[in-house]
Amino acid sequence: MYLEIGFAVRQRRRPCGLLAGSWCSPGGLTVLKSLRTMLFALLPGAVLGTASLLTPAAFAAAPAAPAPQYVPPTVAVTNPLADVKYNNKWEIYGGMAYSHFDAGPQLIQGASLGGVDAQVARFFNKRWAAVANYRGYFGTSGVQPNVYNIRGPFVAEHMFVFGPEYRAIYNQHLSLNFHAYAGGAYGDFQRATAPLTNPEVQSQLGLYTNQFSIASVIGGSLDLNRSARWAFRIEPDATLTRFNNPGGPTGIQQQFALSVGVVYRIVPHPKGYKKPVHPHHHRRFGVF
């Protein structure tokens, strides 16, 4: 009997095998076996999960943020013609001039003369102005066959005319003007025959003699604005003169003229404008 009890006791207390010197009951041994089974079941999944974390894709760098794009600053668009208002009182014009000129009453070949064209205009309003105009044309002219062996003598014409100008169409880009001037002209036709002052010599050459004449200019101009002050001008005209013919009848000479140049408008300052004051340099102890 005692042997049976002792055997039973020894059966209930047997080493678990997990820790040295540890003892457990048969029920605890069953629990330990269940835990061991679960650990062996979960071990492959843990190993695979750890391996997936060690792959190169896991160590790949995160996608970089996009670089900031350059945004150009907003620049205000300026219009150089915004201040074109035609409120100027004075206007100055200067350009190159051309004229097809007949230096004699019976010359078949005309003279193509080049020169200058200068004008000053005083505007009373945006449309009407009074203009003073000087035109100088210079060149050579053909002559009739002569015993003096003179060919292509120098001739010139100087015109001084005045008159009204009317601005018919105008906007920020251009203006179209019409004018009619009247005044006088001086013809220089005897430069090549200065030693021969006899009018008959000029008659044999087919040239006029040096003289003054009435003159008029009828035409228009087209101004292409570049700013409120500057403009580019094209001006075609018909010029009329009446030089006397010493050896025959006298008539009106009709000529074509063309001028190309620039216009400068003296634009007044806006209201409230104050001229900038520049610091004055005073002499002090011999130093400016």
C-alpha atoms as a PDB file:
ATOM      1  CA  MET A   1       0.000   0.000   0.000  1.00  0.00           C
ATOM      2  CA  TYR A   2       2.756   2.329   0.916  1.00  0.00           C
ATOM      3  CA  LEU A   3       4.535   1.384  -2.196  1.00  0.00           C
ATOM      4  CA  GLU A   4       1.551   2.221  -4.368  1.00  0.00           C
ATOM      5  CA  ILE A   5       1.118   5.638  -2.773  1.00  0.00           C
ATOM      6  CA  GLY A   6       4.775   6.415  -3.158  1.00  0.00           C
ATOM      7  CA  PHE A   7       4.690   5.364  -6.777  1.00  0.00           C
ATOM      8  CA  ALA A   8       1.656   7.576  -7.336  1.00  0.00           C
ATOM      9  CA  VAL A   9       3.436  10.479  -5.796  1.00  0.00           C
ATOM     10  CA  ARG A  10       6.460   9.878  -7.910  1.00  0.00           C
ATOM     11  CA  GLN A  11       4.254   9.713 -10.965  1.00  0.00           C
ATOM     12  CA  ARG A  12       2.729  13.092 -10.217  1.00  0.00           C
ATOM     13  CA  ARG A  13       6.087  14.813  -9.713  1.00  0.00           C
ATOM     14  CA  ARG A  14       8.421  14.265 -12.594  1.00  0.00           C
ATOM     15  CA  PRO A  15      10.875  16.673 -14.165  1.00  0.00           C
ATOM     16  CA  CYS A  16       9.471  18.872 -17.002  1.00  0.00           C
ATOM     17  CA  GLY A  17      12.724  18.886 -18.853  1.00  0.00           C
ATOM     18  CA  LEU A  18      12.614  22.569 -19.487  1.00  0.00           C
ATOM     19  CA  LEU A  19      14.585  23.819 -16.551  1.00  0.00           C
ATOM     20  CA  ALA A  20      17.049  21.866 -14.573  1.00  0.00           C
ATOM     21  CA  GLY A  21      15.618  20.792 -11.229  1.00  0.00           C
ATOM     22  CA  SER A  22      12.086  21.897 -12.094  1.00  0.00           C
ATOM     23  CA  TRP A  23       9.127  19.684 -11.479  1.00  0.00           C
ATOM     24  CA  CYS A  24       5.634  19.841 -12.866  1.00  0.00           C
ATOM     25  CA  SER A  25       2.381  17.983 -12.756  1.00  0.00           C
ATOM     26  CA  PRO A  26       0.982  15.903 -15.618  1.00  0.00           C
ATOM     27  CA  GLY A  27      -1.465  18.748 -16.438  1.00  0.00           C
ATOM     28  CA  GLY A  28       1.360  21.304 -16.674  1.00  0.00           C
ATOM     29  CA  LEU A  29       3.270  18.969 -18.943  1.00  0.00           C
ATOM     30  CA  THR A  30       0.350  18.946 -21.345  1.00  0.00           C
ATOM     31  CA  VAL A  31       0.302  22.756 -21.399  1.00  0.00           C
ATOM     32  CA  LEU A  32       3.997  22.904 -22.132  1.00  0.00           C
ATOM     33  CA  LYS A  33       3.618  20.500 -25.006  1.00  0.00           C
ATOM     34  CA  SER A  34       0.839  22.681 -26.430  1.00  0.00           C
ATOM     35  CA  LEU A  35       3.038  25.802 -26.215  1.00  0.00           C
ATOM     36  CA  ARG A  36       5.893  23.988 -27.897  1.00  0.00           C
ATOM     37  CA  THR A  37       3.617  22.907 -30.732  1.00  0.00           C
ATOM     38  CA  MET A  38       2.398  26.497 -31.224  1.00  0.00           C
ATOM     39  CA  LEU A  39       5.945  27.829 -31.272  1.00  0.00           C
ATOM     40  CA  PHE A  40       7.005  25.358 -33.975  1.00  0.00           C
ATOM     41  CA  ALA A  41       3.871  26.283 -35.952  1.00  0.00           C
ATOM     42  CA  LEU A  42       4.578  30.035 -35.782  1.00  0.00           C
ATOM     43  CA  LEU A  43       8.333  29.815 -36.379  1.00  0.00           C
ATOM     44  CA  PRO A  44       8.218  29.503 -40.249  1.00  0.00           C
ATOM     45  CA  GLY A  45       5.967  32.575 -40.572  1.00  0.00           C
ATOM     46  CA  ALA A  46       8.238  34.634 -38.327  1.00  0.00           C
ATOM     47  CA  VAL A  47      11.301  33.604 -40.337  1.00  0.00           C
ATOM     48  CA  LEU A  48       9.617  34.519 -43.650  1.00  0.00           C
ATOM     49  CA  GLY A  49       8.448  37.885 -42.291  1.00  0.00           C
ATOM     50  CA  THR A  50      11.945  38.715 -41.103  1.00  0.00           C
ATOM     51  CA  ALA A  51      13.391  37.727 -44.490  1.00  0.00           C
ATOM     52  CA  SER A  52      10.933  40.007 -46.282  1.00  0.00           C
ATOM     53  CA  LEU A  53      12.105  42.929 -44.190  1.00  0.00           C
ATOM     54  CA  LEU A  54      15.693  42.253 -45.185  1.00  0.00           C
ATOM     55  CA  THR A  55      15.043  42.417 -48.962  1.00  0.00           C
ATOM     56  CA  PRO A  56      16.585  45.300 -51.052  1.00  0.00           C
ATOM     57  CA  ALA A  57      13.102  46.694 -51.700  1.00  0.00           C
ATOM     58  CA  ALA A  58      12.680  47.215 -47.974  1.00  0.00           C
ATOM     59  CA  PHE A  59      15.880  49.263 -47.881  1.00  0.00           C
ATOM     60  CA  ALA A  60      14.987  51.265 -51.027  1.00  0.00           C
ATOM     61  CA  ALA A  61      14.938  55.029 -50.477  1.00  0.00           C
ATOM     62  CA  ALA A  62      11.585  56.729 -50.300  1.00  0.00           C
ATOM     63  CA  PRO A  63      10.628  58.699 -53.464  1.00  0.00           C
ATOM     64  CA  ALA A  64      12.174  62.169 -53.378  1.00  0.00           C
ATOM     65  CA  ALA A  65       9.903  65.169 -53.194  1.00  0.00           C
ATOM     66  CA  PRO A  66       9.561  67.046 -56.523  1.00  0.00           C
ATOM     67  CA  ALA A  67      11.923  69.985 -56.921  1.00  0.00           C
ATOM     68  CA  PRO A  68      10.252  73.403 -56.674  1.00  0.00           C
ATOM     69  CA  GLN A  69       9.525  74.945 -60.069  1.00  0.00           C
ATOM     70  CA  TYR A  70      10.672  78.475 -60.937  1.00  0.00           C
ATOM     71  CA  VAL A  71       7.814  80.892 -61.282  1.00  0.00           C
ATOM     72  CA  PRO A  72       8.847  84.077 -63.130  1.00  0.00           C
ATOM     73  CA  PRO A  73       7.795  87.303 -61.458  1.00  0.00           C
ATOM     74  CA  THR A  74       4.901  89.206 -62.893  1.00  0.00           C
ATOM     75  CA  VAL A  75       6.143  92.195 -64.883  1.00  0.00           C
ATOM     76  CA  ALA A  76       3.800  95.024 -65.734  1.00  0.00           C
ATOM     77  CA  VAL A  77       3.558  95.600 -69.496  1.00  0.00           C
ATOM     78  CA  THR A  78       4.300  99.212 -70.378  1.00  0.00           C
ATOM     79  CA  ASN A  79       2.910 100.864 -73.477  1.00  0.00           C
ATOM     80  CA  PRO A  80       5.258 103.562 -74.841  1.00  0.00           C
ATOM     81  CA  LEU A  81       2.335 105.112 -76.729  1.00  0.00           C
ATOM     82  CA  ALA A  82       0.064 105.427 -73.702  1.00  0.00           C
ATOM     83  CA  ASP A  83       1.103 109.063 -73.192  1.00  0.00           C
ATOM     84  CA  VAL A  84       0.456 110.149 -76.786  1.00  0.00           C
ATOM     85  CA  LYS A  85      -2.215 112.814 -76.231  1.00  0.00           C
ATOM     86  CA  TYR A  86      -1.285 115.526 -78.785  1.00  0.00           C
ATOM     87  CA  ASN A  87      -1.319 118.187 -76.096  1.00  0.00           C
ATOM     88  CA  ASN A  88       1.948 119.727 -77.274  1.00  0.00           C
ATOM     89  CA  LYS A  89       2.115 123.330 -78.432  1.00  0.00           C
ATOM     90  CA  TRP A  90       5.403 123.136 -80.313  1.00  0.00           C
ATOM     91  CA  GLU A  91       6.702 120.584 -82.775  1.00  0.00           C
ATOM     92  CA  ILE A  92      10.052 120.385 -84.584  1.00  0.00           C
ATOM     93  CA  TYR A  93      10.720 118.358 -87.722  1.00  0.00           C
ATOM     94  CA  GLY A  94      13.930 117.613 -89.565  1.00  0.00           C
ATOM     95  CA  GLY A  95      14.609 115.220 -92.407  1.00  0.00           C
ATOM     96  CA  MET A  96      16.173 114.407 -95.734  1.00  0.00           C
ATOM     97  CA  ALA A  97      14.503 115.858 -98.806  1.00  0.00           C
ATOM     98  CA  TYR A  98      14.250 115.023-102.493  1.00  0.00           C
ATOM     99  CA  SER A  99      12.911 117.064-105.408  1.00  0.00           C
ATOM    100  CA  HIS A 100      12.592 116.442-109.115  1.00  0.00           C
ATOM    101  CA  PHE A 101      13.447 119.892-110.389  1.00  0.00           C
ATOM    102  CA  ASP A 102      13.554 121.576-113.789  1.00  0.00           C
ATOM    103  CA  ALA A 103      16.400 124.106-113.799  1.00  0.00           C
ATOM    104  CA  GLY A 104      15.392 125.552-117.166  1.00  0.00           C
ATOM    105  CA  PRO A 105      12.267 126.151-119.212  1.00  0.00           C
ATOM    106  CA  GLN A 106      13.272 124.023-122.195  1.00  0.00           C
ATOM    107  CA  LEU A 107      15.341 121.269-120.606  1.00  0.00           C
ATOM    108  CA  ILE A 108      14.212 117.776-121.465  1.00  0.00           C
ATOM    109  CA  GLN A 109      16.237 116.187-118.713  1.00  0.00           C
ATOM    110  CA  GLY A 110      15.159 117.155-115.186  1.00  0.00           C
ATOM    111  CA  ALA A 111      17.391 117.347-112.149  1.00  0.00           C
ATOM    112  CA  SER A 112      17.043 115.043-109.168  1.00  0.00           C
ATOM    113  CA  LEU A 113      18.072 117.155-106.205  1.00  0.00           C
ATOM    114  CA  GLY A 114      18.637 116.090-102.591  1.00  0.00           C
ATOM    115  CA  GLY A 115      18.704 118.219 -99.507  1.00  0.00           C
ATOM    116  CA  VAL A 116      17.129 119.017 -96.171  1.00  0.00           C
ATOM    117  CA  ASP A 117      13.687 119.852 -94.855  1.00  0.00           C
ATOM    118  CA  ALA A 118      13.239 121.688 -91.527  1.00  0.00           C
ATOM    119  CA  GLN A 119       9.966 122.782 -89.962  1.00  0.00           C
ATOM    120  CA  VAL A 120       8.714 124.400 -86.771  1.00  0.00           C
ATOM    121  CA  ALA A 121       4.999 124.147 -85.924  1.00  0.00           C
ATOM    122  CA  ARG A 122       2.988 126.057 -83.330  1.00  0.00           C
ATOM    123  CA  PHE A 123      -0.235 124.226 -82.417  1.00  0.00           C
ATOM    124  CA  PHE A 124      -3.259 126.180 -81.219  1.00  0.00           C
ATOM    125  CA  ASN A 125      -5.264 123.026 -80.491  1.00  0.00           C
ATOM    126  CA  LYS A 126      -5.025 119.342 -81.372  1.00  0.00           C
ATOM    127  CA  ARG A 127      -5.843 119.961 -85.050  1.00  0.00           C
ATOM    128  CA  TRP A 128      -4.634 123.385 -86.215  1.00  0.00           C
ATOM    129  CA  ALA A 129      -1.089 124.696 -86.335  1.00  0.00           C
ATOM    130  CA  ALA A 130       0.975 127.386 -88.034  1.00  0.00           C
ATOM    131  CA  VAL A 131       4.167 126.130 -89.695  1.00  0.00           C
ATOM    132  CA  ALA A 132       7.396 127.785 -90.817  1.00  0.00           C
ATOM    133  CA  ASN A 133       9.306 125.636 -93.343  1.00  0.00           C
ATOM    134  CA  TYR A 134      12.737 125.805 -94.969  1.00  0.00           C
ATOM    135  CA  ARG A 135      13.694 123.470 -97.813  1.00  0.00           C
ATOM    136  CA  GLY A 136      17.038 123.292 -99.533  1.00  0.00           C
ATOM    137  CA  TYR A 137      17.622 121.195-102.658  1.00  0.00           C
ATOM    138  CA  PHE A 138      21.071 120.719-104.228  1.00  0.00           C
ATOM    139  CA  GLY A 139      22.455 118.776-107.178  1.00  0.00           C
ATOM    140  CA  THR A 140      23.426 118.924-110.834  1.00  0.00           C
ATOM    141  CA  SER A 141      21.319 119.461-113.914  1.00  0.00           C
ATOM    142  CA  GLY A 142      21.539 118.592-117.559  1.00  0.00           C
ATOM    143  CA  VAL A 143      21.960 121.382-120.113  1.00  0.00           C
ATOM    144  CA  GLN A 144      21.580 121.887-123.833  1.00  0.00           C
ATOM    145  CA  PRO A 145      24.562 121.309-126.136  1.00  0.00           C
ATOM    146  CA  ASN A 146      26.705 124.432-125.990  1.00  0.00           C
ATOM    147  CA  VAL A 147      30.010 125.890-127.227  1.00  0.00           C
ATOM    148  CA  TYR A 148      31.225 126.409-123.654  1.00  0.00           C
ATOM    149  CA  ASN A 149      31.588 122.667-123.041  1.00  0.00           C
ATOM    150  CA  ILE A 150      29.544 122.955-119.828  1.00  0.00           C
ATOM    151  CA  ARG A 151      27.911 119.737-118.702  1.00  0.00           C
ATOM    152  CA  GLY A 152      26.052 118.942-115.510  1.00  0.00           C
ATOM    153  CA  PRO A 153      26.404 122.299-113.747  1.00  0.00           C
ATOM    154  CA  PHE A 154      25.565 122.681-110.073  1.00  0.00           C
ATOM    155  CA  VAL A 155      22.093 124.093-109.294  1.00  0.00           C
ATOM    156  CA  ALA A 156      20.241 124.728-106.055  1.00  0.00           C
ATOM    157  CA  GLU A 157      16.866 125.892-104.814  1.00  0.00           C
ATOM    158  CA  HIS A 158      16.086 127.424-101.409  1.00  0.00           C
ATOM    159  CA  MET A 159      12.455 127.689-100.310  1.00  0.00           C
ATOM    160  CA  PHE A 160      11.048 129.675 -97.375  1.00  0.00           C
ATOM    161  CA  VAL A 161       7.335 129.056 -96.901  1.00  0.00           C
ATOM    162  CA  PHE A 162       4.729 129.525 -94.172  1.00  0.00           C
ATOM    163  CA  GLY A 163       1.179 128.355 -93.729  1.00  0.00           C
ATOM    164  CA  PRO A 164      -1.453 126.335 -91.863  1.00  0.00           C
ATOM    165  CA  GLU A 165      -1.428 122.630 -91.075  1.00  0.00           C
ATOM    166  CA  TYR A 166      -4.509 120.566 -90.273  1.00  0.00           C
ATOM    167  CA  ARG A 167      -4.340 117.284 -88.372  1.00  0.00           C
ATOM    168  CA  ALA A 168      -7.187 115.318 -89.912  1.00  0.00           C
ATOM    169  CA  ILE A 169      -6.757 111.902 -88.271  1.00  0.00           C
ATOM    170  CA  TYR A 170      -4.864 111.089 -85.114  1.00  0.00           C
ATOM    171  CA  ASN A 171      -4.612 108.317 -82.529  1.00  0.00           C
ATOM    172  CA  GLN A 172      -1.922 106.764 -80.377  1.00  0.00           C
ATOM    173  CA  HIS A 173      -0.234 105.116 -83.351  1.00  0.00           C
ATOM    174  CA  LEU A 174      -0.280 107.726 -86.134  1.00  0.00           C
ATOM    175  CA  SER A 175      -1.545 111.056 -87.368  1.00  0.00           C
ATOM    176  CA  LEU A 176      -2.401 112.245 -90.876  1.00  0.00           C
ATOM    177  CA  ASN A 177      -1.788 115.928 -91.617  1.00  0.00           C
ATOM    178  CA  PHE A 178      -2.483 118.240 -94.550  1.00  0.00           C
ATOM    179  CA  HIS A 179      -0.832 121.575 -95.218  1.00  0.00           C
ATOM    180  CA  ALA A 180      -0.657 124.460 -97.697  1.00  0.00           C
ATOM    181  CA  TYR A 181       2.319 126.811 -97.471  1.00  0.00           C
ATOM    182  CA  ALA A 182       3.208 129.919 -99.424  1.00  0.00           C
ATOM    183  CA  GLY A 183       6.301 132.070 -99.563  1.00  0.00           C
ATOM    184  CA  GLY A 184       9.348 132.541-101.722  1.00  0.00           C
ATOM    185  CA  ALA A 185      12.173 130.620-103.351  1.00  0.00           C
ATOM    186  CA  TYR A 186      15.646 131.490-104.531  1.00  0.00           C
ATOM    187  CA  GLY A 187      17.155 129.660-107.502  1.00  0.00           C
ATOM    188  CA  ASP A 188      20.913 129.351-107.868  1.00  0.00           C
ATOM    189  CA  PHE A 189      21.520 128.417-111.496  1.00  0.00           C
ATOM    190  CA  GLN A 190      24.693 130.321-112.475  1.00  0.00           C
ATOM    191  CA  ARG A 191      27.232 128.653-110.216  1.00  0.00           C
ATOM    192  CA  ALA A 192      28.957 126.942-113.153  1.00  0.00           C
ATOM    193  CA  THR A 193      28.787 130.051-115.394  1.00  0.00           C
ATOM    194  CA  ALA A 194      29.765 132.644-112.811  1.00  0.00           C
ATOM    195  CA  PRO A 195      32.467 134.195-115.075  1.00  0.00           C
ATOM    196  CA  LEU A 196      29.869 134.463-117.848  1.00  0.00           C
ATOM    197  CA  THR A 197      27.240 136.804-116.485  1.00  0.00           C
ATOM    198  CA  ASN A 198      25.498 137.380-119.816  1.00  0.00           C
ATOM    199  CA  PRO A 199      21.893 136.089-119.663  1.00  0.00           C
ATOM    200  CA  GLU A 200      22.311 134.832-123.212  1.00  0.00           C
ATOM    201  CA  VAL A 201      24.773 132.245-121.944  1.00  0.00           C
ATOM    202  CA  GLN A 202      22.133 130.878-119.579  1.00  0.00           C
ATOM    203  CA  SER A 203      19.665 130.846-122.452  1.00  0.00           C
ATOM    204  CA  GLN A 204      22.056 128.825-124.618  1.00  0.00           C
ATOM    205  CA  LEU A 205      22.522 126.351-121.752  1.00  0.00           C
ATOM    206  CA  GLY A 206      18.773 126.214-121.234  1.00  0.00           C
ATOM    207  CA  LEU A 207      19.008 127.323-117.573  1.00  0.00           C
ATOM    208  CA  TYR A 208      17.269 130.025-115.614  1.00  0.00           C
ATOM    209  CA  THR A 209      19.237 132.932-114.243  1.00  0.00           C
ATOM    210  CA  ASN A 210      19.726 133.426-110.513  1.00  0.00           C
ATOM    211  CA  GLN A 211      16.533 134.943-109.145  1.00  0.00           C
ATOM    212  CA  PHE A 212      13.808 135.008-106.516  1.00  0.00           C
ATOM    213  CA  SER A 213      10.368 133.582-107.143  1.00  0.00           C
ATOM    214  CA  ILE A 214       7.084 133.094-105.396  1.00  0.00           C
ATOM    215  CA  ALA A 215       6.612 129.544-104.153  1.00  0.00           C
ATOM    216  CA  SER A 216       4.013 127.329-102.588  1.00  0.00           C
ATOM    217  CA  VAL A 217       3.928 123.818-101.130  1.00  0.00           C
ATOM    218  CA  ILE A 218       0.784 121.678-101.089  1.00  0.00           C
ATOM    219  CA  GLY A 219       0.745 118.195 -99.581  1.00  0.00           C
ATOM    220  CA  GLY A 220       0.508 116.184 -96.411  1.00  0.00           C
ATOM    221  CA  SER A 221       2.447 114.060 -93.972  1.00  0.00           C
ATOM    222  CA  LEU A 222       2.045 110.781 -92.129  1.00  0.00           C
ATOM    223  CA  ASP A 223       3.497 110.628 -88.624  1.00  0.00           C
ATOM    224  CA  LEU A 224       4.145 107.198 -87.080  1.00  0.00           C
ATOM    225  CA  ASN A 225       4.432 107.654 -83.328  1.00  0.00           C
ATOM    226  CA  ARG A 226       7.262 105.988 -81.441  1.00  0.00           C
ATOM    227  CA  SER A 227       6.517 107.703 -78.114  1.00  0.00           C
ATOM    228  CA  ALA A 228       4.737 110.775 -76.788  1.00  0.00           C
ATOM    229  CA  ARG A 229       7.627 112.932 -78.037  1.00  0.00           C
ATOM    230  CA  TRP A 230       9.104 111.165 -81.062  1.00  0.00           C
ATOM    231  CA  ALA A 231       7.549 110.211 -84.384  1.00  0.00           C
ATOM    232  CA  PHE A 232       8.719 109.122 -87.821  1.00  0.00           C
ATOM    233  CA  ARG A 233       7.395 111.246 -90.708  1.00  0.00           C
ATOM    234  CA  ILE A 234       6.859 110.640 -94.424  1.00  0.00           C
ATOM    235  CA  GLU A 235       5.891 113.787 -96.339  1.00  0.00           C
ATOM    236  CA  PRO A 236       5.107 113.936-100.087  1.00  0.00           C
ATOM    237  CA  ASP A 237       4.442 117.374-101.607  1.00  0.00           C
ATOM    238  CA  ALA A 238       3.856 119.286-104.801  1.00  0.00           C
ATOM    239  CA  THR A 239       5.962 122.449-105.018  1.00  0.00           C
ATOM    240  CA  LEU A 240       5.101 125.341-107.319  1.00  0.00           C
ATOM    241  CA  THR A 241       7.459 128.125-108.399  1.00  0.00           C
ATOM    242  CA  ARG A 242       7.500 130.862-111.067  1.00  0.00           C
ATOM    243  CA  PHE A 243      11.026 131.560-112.281  1.00  0.00           C
ATOM    244  CA  ASN A 244      11.266 134.038-115.160  1.00  0.00           C
ATOM    245  CA  ASN A 245      12.601 132.859-118.502  1.00  0.00           C
ATOM    246  CA  PRO A 246      14.851 135.538-119.974  1.00  0.00           C
ATOM    247  CA  GLY A 247      14.645 134.144-123.469  1.00  0.00           C
ATOM    248  CA  GLY A 248      11.015 133.074-123.717  1.00  0.00           C
ATOM    249  CA  PRO A 249       7.629 132.758-122.039  1.00  0.00           C
ATOM    250  CA  THR A 250       7.383 132.322-118.296  1.00  0.00           C
ATOM    251  CA  GLY A 251       5.159 129.759-116.637  1.00  0.00           C
ATOM    252  CA  ILE A 252       4.611 127.942-113.363  1.00  0.00           C
ATOM    253  CA  GLN A 253       7.079 125.179-112.580  1.00  0.00           C
ATOM    254  CA  GLN A 254       5.457 122.131-110.997  1.00  0.00           C
ATOM    255  CA  GLN A 255       7.742 119.804-109.101  1.00  0.00           C
ATOM    256  CA  PHE A 256       7.457 116.715-106.933  1.00  0.00           C
ATOM    257  CA  ALA A 257       9.121 116.645-103.516  1.00  0.00           C
ATOM    258  CA  LEU A 258       9.479 114.012-100.821  1.00  0.00           C
ATOM    259  CA  SER A 259      10.803 114.259 -97.296  1.00  0.00           C
ATOM    260  CA  VAL A 260      11.544 111.616 -94.647  1.00  0.00           C
ATOM    261  CA  GLY A 261      12.634 112.397 -91.109  1.00  0.00           C
ATOM    262  CA  VAL A 262      11.782 112.590 -87.416  1.00  0.00           C
ATOM    263  CA  VAL A 263       9.392 114.739 -85.409  1.00  0.00           C
ATOM    264  CA  TYR A 264      10.050 115.944 -81.887  1.00  0.00           C
ATOM    265  CA  ARG A 265       7.123 117.207 -79.829  1.00  0.00           C
ATOM    266  CA  ILE A 266       7.721 119.490 -76.859  1.00  0.00           C
ATOM    267  CA  VAL A 267       5.261 117.844 -74.465  1.00  0.00           C
ATOM    268  CA  PRO A 268       4.338 119.804 -71.315  1.00  0.00           C
ATOM    269  CA  HIS A 269       4.796 118.238 -67.901  1.00  0.00           C
ATOM    270  CA  PRO A 270       1.659 116.870 -66.200  1.00  0.00           C
ATOM    271  CA  LYS A 271      -0.109 118.852 -63.501  1.00  0.00           C
ATOM    272  CA  GLY A 272       1.542 118.621 -60.133  1.00  0.00           C
ATOM    273  CA  TYR A 273       4.940 117.861 -61.638  1.00  0.00           C
ATOM    274  CA  LYS A 274       7.848 119.097 -59.561  1.00  0.00           C
ATOM    275  CA  LYS A 275      11.260 119.452 -61.036  1.00  0.00           C
ATOM    276  CA  PRO A 276      13.775 117.319 -59.125  1.00  0.00           C
ATOM    277  CA  VAL A 277      16.159 119.379 -57.047  1.00  0.00           C
ATOM    278  CA  HIS A 278      19.767 118.376 -57.452  1.00  0.00           C
ATOM    279  CA  PRO A 279      22.190 118.968 -54.575  1.00  0.00           C
ATOM    280  CA  HIS A 280      24.419 121.930 -55.162  1.00  0.00           C
ATOM    281  CA  HIS A 281      28.138 121.563 -54.648  1.00  0.00           C
ATOM    282  CA  HIS A 282      29.444 124.514 -52.676  1.00  0.00           C
ATOM    283  CA  ARG A 283      33.068 125.453 -52.550  1.00  0.00           C
ATOM    284  CA  ARG A 284      34.382 124.978 -49.058  1.00  0.00           C
ATOM    285  CA  PHE A 285      38.033 125.356 -48.151  1.00  0.00           C
ATOM    286  CA  GLY A 286      39.006 125.011 -51.771  1.00  0.00           C
ATOM    287  CA  VAL A 287      37.195 121.665 -52.176  1.00  0.00           C
ATOM    288  CA  PHE A 288      34.014 121.217 -54.184  1.00  0.00           C
END
